[in-house]
Amino acid sequence: MKTPEQCSGLDDVRCGIDAMDRQIIQALGQRLAYVKAAAQFKPTEDSIAAPERVAAMLPQRRQWAEQAGLDPMFVVPLFAQIIHWNIAQQVRHWRLQHGLEQGAGDE
């Protein structure tokens, strides 16, 4: 994959964007695997949400966005959505692991 500066045409740019999107999706999958792994350390379903952790995470993501030259007004809501979806997935995983929910065989 060429760097943005090495691109000599739109095809190079699109190839780079596609490669980056694939990496983002793979990273989201790996993040979800960590989220599911955390379920084993949560004693109750109510302990999963961890609002104090979320409250600490979002300001940190804002800072990281600013350091990377990205607009925090985009990054913070994006991470809020990722976090809330991951919490829902962790609840489902926790419930499946504790026999409280029937799965589709994908756990």
Protein backbone atom coordinates (compact mmCIF):
# COMPACT_ATOMS: atom_id res chain seq x y z
CA MET A 1 0.00 0.00 0.00
CA LYS A 2 1.32 3.40 -0.94
CA THR A 3 1.42 6.27 1.52
CA PRO A 4 -0.95 9.15 0.72
CA GLU A 5 2.03 11.14 -0.55
CA GLN A 6 3.04 8.33 -2.92
CA CYS A 7 -0.37 8.04 -4.58
CA SER A 8 -0.25 8.84 -8.27
CA GLY A 9 -3.96 8.60 -8.98
CA LEU A 10 -7.43 8.01 -7.62
CA ASP A 11 -7.02 4.23 -7.85
CA ASP A 12 -4.04 4.41 -5.48
CA VAL A 13 -6.03 6.58 -3.07
CA ARG A 14 -9.02 4.22 -3.15
CA CYS A 15 -6.77 1.21 -2.62
CA GLY A 16 -5.28 2.91 0.44
CA ILE A 17 -8.71 3.81 1.82
CA ASP A 18 -9.95 0.24 1.32
CA ALA A 19 -6.89 -1.15 3.10
CA MET A 20 -7.36 1.25 6.01
CA ASP A 21 -11.06 0.39 6.27
CA ARG A 22 -10.17 -3.31 6.40
CA GLN A 23 -7.71 -2.57 9.24
CA ILE A 24 -10.34 -0.55 11.11
CA ILE A 25 -12.86 -3.40 10.82
CA GLN A 26 -10.26 -5.95 11.97
CA ALA A 27 -9.38 -3.70 14.93
CA LEU A 28 -13.08 -3.43 15.85
CA GLY A 29 -13.31 -7.22 15.80
CA GLN A 30 -10.27 -7.51 18.04
CA ARG A 31 -11.70 -4.85 20.37
CA LEU A 32 -14.92 -6.89 20.62
CA ALA A 33 -12.90 -9.98 21.50
CA TYR A 34 -11.36 -8.06 24.44
CA VAL A 35 -14.82 -6.85 25.46
CA LYS A 36 -16.11 -10.42 25.49
CA ALA A 37 -13.04 -11.56 27.44
CA ALA A 38 -13.84 -8.94 30.08
CA ALA A 39 -17.20 -10.62 30.67
CA GLN A 40 -15.49 -13.45 32.58
CA PHE A 41 -14.38 -10.93 35.20
CA LYS A 42 -17.83 -9.40 35.67
CA PRO A 43 -19.66 -11.04 38.58
CA THR A 44 -23.13 -9.84 37.57
CA GLU A 45 -24.87 -8.60 34.45
CA ASP A 46 -25.35 -5.23 36.17
CA SER A 47 -21.59 -4.84 36.57
CA ILE A 48 -21.00 -4.93 32.81
CA ALA A 49 -21.91 -1.36 31.90
CA ALA A 50 -19.24 0.17 34.19
CA PRO A 51 -20.38 3.79 33.75
CA GLU A 52 -17.30 5.09 35.58
CA ARG A 53 -15.08 3.41 32.99
CA VAL A 54 -17.09 4.88 30.10
CA ALA A 55 -16.94 8.31 31.76
CA ALA A 56 -13.15 8.03 31.88
CA MET A 57 -12.79 6.65 28.37
CA LEU A 58 -14.55 9.36 26.39
CA PRO A 59 -12.40 12.29 27.59
CA GLN A 60 -9.32 10.20 26.87
CA ARG A 61 -10.56 9.48 23.33
CA ARG A 62 -11.18 13.22 22.92
CA GLN A 63 -7.57 13.90 23.89
CA TRP A 64 -6.27 11.21 21.53
CA ALA A 65 -8.35 12.66 18.70
CA GLU A 66 -6.97 16.13 19.31
CA GLN A 67 -3.41 14.76 19.44
CA ALA A 68 -4.00 12.99 16.11
CA GLY A 69 -5.38 16.18 14.53
CA LEU A 70 -8.92 14.79 14.32
CA ASP A 71 -12.13 16.59 15.18
CA PRO A 72 -13.25 15.39 18.64
CA MET A 73 -16.81 16.33 17.71
CA PHE A 74 -16.65 13.37 15.32
CA VAL A 75 -14.46 10.98 17.32
CA VAL A 76 -16.20 11.20 20.71
CA PRO A 77 -19.72 10.33 19.43
CA LEU A 78 -18.20 7.59 17.26
CA PHE A 79 -16.54 6.02 20.30
CA ALA A 80 -19.67 6.47 22.39
CA GLN A 81 -21.53 4.42 19.79
CA ILE A 82 -18.78 1.78 19.65
CA ILE A 83 -18.70 1.54 23.45
CA HIS A 84 -22.47 1.23 23.84
CA TRP A 85 -22.70 -1.41 21.11
CA ASN A 86 -19.83 -3.33 22.73
CA ILE A 87 -21.57 -3.18 26.12
CA ALA A 88 -24.69 -4.71 24.55
CA GLN A 89 -22.53 -7.44 22.99
CA GLN A 90 -20.83 -8.09 26.33
CA VAL A 91 -24.21 -8.40 28.06
CA ARG A 92 -25.33 -10.90 25.43
CA HIS A 93 -22.07 -12.84 25.77
CA TRP A 94 -22.30 -12.82 29.58
CA ARG A 95 -25.89 -14.06 29.43
CA LEU A 96 -24.95 -16.83 27.00
CA GLN A 97 -22.02 -17.89 29.21
CA HIS A 98 -24.32 -18.07 32.23
CA GLY A 99 -27.05 -20.00 30.42
CA LEU A 100 -29.50 -17.11 30.58
CA GLU A 101 -29.93 -16.68 26.84
CA GLN A 102 -30.07 -18.96 23.83
CA GLY A 103 -27.46 -18.18 21.19
CA ALA A 104 -27.41 -18.71 17.47
CA GLY A 105 -24.39 -20.98 17.84
CA ASP A 106 -21.93 -18.15 17.20
CA GLU A 107 -20.54 -17.88 20.74
